[in-house]
Protein backbone atom coordinates (compact mmCIF):
# COMPACT_ATOMS: atom_id res chain seq x y z
CA MET A 1 0.19 0.05 -0.06
CA LYS A 2 1.38 3.33 -0.96
CA HIS A 3 1.05 6.52 1.19
CA GLN A 4 -1.36 8.23 -1.21
CA ASP A 5 -3.75 5.17 -1.20
CA ALA A 6 -3.93 5.67 2.73
CA THR A 7 -4.36 9.20 2.62
CA PRO A 8 -7.70 10.55 1.77
CA SER A 9 -8.09 13.27 -0.67
CA ARG A 10 -8.28 17.05 0.07
CA GLY A 11 -11.75 18.21 1.19
CA THR A 12 -13.31 14.70 1.64
CA GLY A 13 -12.64 14.10 5.26
CA GLN A 14 -13.66 15.81 8.54
CA ASP A 15 -11.76 18.88 9.60
CA ARG A 16 -10.40 19.24 13.17
CA THR A 17 -13.70 20.51 14.30
CA GLY A 18 -15.61 17.55 13.22
CA GLN A 19 -17.59 19.37 10.61
CA ASP A 20 -17.84 18.50 6.97
CA ARG A 21 -17.40 20.80 4.22
CA THR A 22 -20.89 22.27 4.44
CA GLY A 23 -20.39 23.28 8.20
CA HIS A 24 -22.64 20.53 9.51
CA GLU A 25 -21.69 18.30 12.38
CA ARG A 26 -20.96 14.79 11.48
CA PRO A 27 -22.55 12.05 13.67
CA GLY A 28 -20.49 10.52 16.32
CA HIS A 29 -17.85 13.06 16.61
CA GLU A 30 -17.05 14.44 20.02
CA ARG A 31 -15.80 17.98 20.72
CA SER A 32 -14.39 17.31 24.05
CA GLU A 33 -10.57 17.00 24.62
CA PRO A 34 -9.42 13.61 25.61
CA PRO A 35 -8.61 13.30 29.37
CA ARG A 36 -5.09 14.27 30.62
CA PRO A 37 -3.07 11.50 32.18
CA ALA A 38 -2.41 11.51 35.79
CA ASP A 39 1.50 12.08 35.26
CA GLU A 40 0.90 15.06 33.19
CA GLU A 41 -1.37 16.66 35.74
CA ARG A 42 1.21 15.99 38.53
CA THR A 43 4.02 17.41 36.34
CA ALA A 44 2.00 20.55 35.59
CA ARG A 45 1.20 20.81 39.27
CA GLU A 46 4.86 20.39 40.45
CA LEU A 47 5.96 22.80 37.70
CA ALA A 48 3.46 25.61 38.96
CA ASP A 49 4.55 25.04 42.45
CA ALA A 50 8.23 25.28 41.70
CA LEU A 51 7.75 28.51 39.71
CA HIS A 52 5.53 30.03 42.27
CA ALA A 53 8.41 29.39 44.95
CA LEU A 54 10.83 30.74 42.72
CA ALA A 55 8.85 33.87 41.97
CA GLY A 56 8.29 34.36 45.72
CA GLY A 57 12.10 34.68 46.29
CA VAL A 58 12.50 37.55 43.91
CA LEU A 59 12.61 40.87 45.40
CA PRO A 60 12.49 43.94 43.27
CA ASP A 61 15.61 46.53 43.42
CA PRO A 62 14.15 49.50 45.67
CA ASP A 63 16.05 51.94 43.32
CA ALA A 64 14.92 50.47 40.04
CA TYR A 65 12.50 53.24 39.25
CA ARG A 66 14.94 55.86 40.28
CA THR A 67 17.73 54.33 37.99
CA ALA A 68 15.40 53.67 34.98
CA ARG A 69 14.21 57.41 35.20
CA GLY A 70 17.67 58.83 35.40
CA GLU A 71 18.75 56.73 32.34
CA TRP A 72 15.59 57.95 30.53
CA LEU A 73 16.48 61.55 31.32
CA ARG A 74 19.96 61.20 30.14
CA ARG A 75 18.95 59.65 26.82
CA GLU A 76 16.28 62.49 26.51
CA ARG A 77 18.91 65.22 26.98
CA ARG A 78 21.46 63.47 24.75
CA ARG A 79 18.66 63.16 22.08
CA ARG A 80 17.79 66.79 22.26
CA LEU A 81 21.44 68.01 22.21
CA VAL A 82 22.34 65.78 19.19
CA LEU A 83 18.99 67.44 17.52
CA THR A 84 20.18 70.91 18.37
CA VAL A 85 23.57 70.41 16.95
CA LEU A 86 22.40 68.78 13.80
CA VAL A 87 19.89 71.74 13.31
CA ALA A 88 22.86 74.21 13.77
CA VAL A 89 25.03 72.35 11.42
CA VAL A 90 22.37 72.19 8.71
CA PHE A 91 21.77 75.93 9.19
CA THR A 92 25.32 76.78 9.12
CA LEU A 93 25.95 74.79 5.97
CA ALA A 94 22.69 76.35 4.09
CA THR A 95 23.97 79.87 5.03
CA LEU A 96 27.54 78.97 3.81
CA ILE A 97 26.45 77.62 0.51
CA GLY A 98 24.16 80.45 -0.14
CA LEU A 99 26.82 82.90 0.60
CA TRP A 100 29.14 81.09 -1.61
CA VAL A 101 26.65 81.01 -4.43
CA LEU A 102 26.03 84.61 -4.17
CA ASN A 103 29.66 85.62 -4.00
CA ARG A 104 30.25 83.59 -7.42
CA THR A 105 28.11 86.10 -9.46
CA PRO A 106 30.14 87.97 -12.17
CA ALA A 107 31.32 91.40 -11.28
CA GLU A 108 30.16 93.10 -14.51
CA PRO A 109 26.33 93.56 -14.82
CA GLY A 110 24.55 91.05 -17.14
CA VAL A 111 22.67 91.81 -20.25
CA ILE A 112 18.97 92.32 -19.10
CA TYR A 113 18.22 95.30 -21.28
CA SER A 114 20.75 96.69 -23.82
CA GLY A 115 18.49 99.52 -25.35
CA LEU A 116 18.93 98.03 -28.79
CA GLY A 117 15.70 96.22 -29.35
CA ALA A 118 12.00 97.10 -29.48
CA ALA A 119 10.25 98.14 -26.39
CA ALA A 120 8.23 95.26 -24.71
CA ALA A 121 5.14 97.35 -24.80
CA ASP A 122 4.03 99.87 -27.57
CA GLY A 123 2.68 103.18 -26.60
CA PRO A 124 3.34 105.59 -23.79
CA SER A 125 4.60 104.30 -20.40
CA LEU A 126 3.12 105.41 -17.08
CA PRO A 127 4.61 108.83 -15.64
CA ARG A 128 7.20 108.30 -13.11
CA PRO A 129 6.68 109.83 -9.77
CA PRO A 130 8.89 112.91 -9.13
CA GLY A 131 11.69 112.17 -6.75
């Protein structure tokens, strides 16, 4: 007999809940778990007792909160200091780059209007205020 002969096809047998594919109960299927052996219950009880005794012997450090709060405050101060330094460095770099770009402009004026072409608007311009 091969493995595939002993294995039912997919979807033809009961699922773990004892229901068929349509969701109806199959007759003769019990939903309760099998009873636990006495050794397993005794082992679980002994393990629970041992863990309870071990947990009863653990005492918290009286300065635990103060220590944890001090570490948190140190980290918070350090985070704020690093953020302040980072903002100052970025601002300084942006200022220096801006000044460098402005300083690289040519000394002679560029050709914006040379007076050789036609005026942009035909007709009289608005009068200039005296001054």
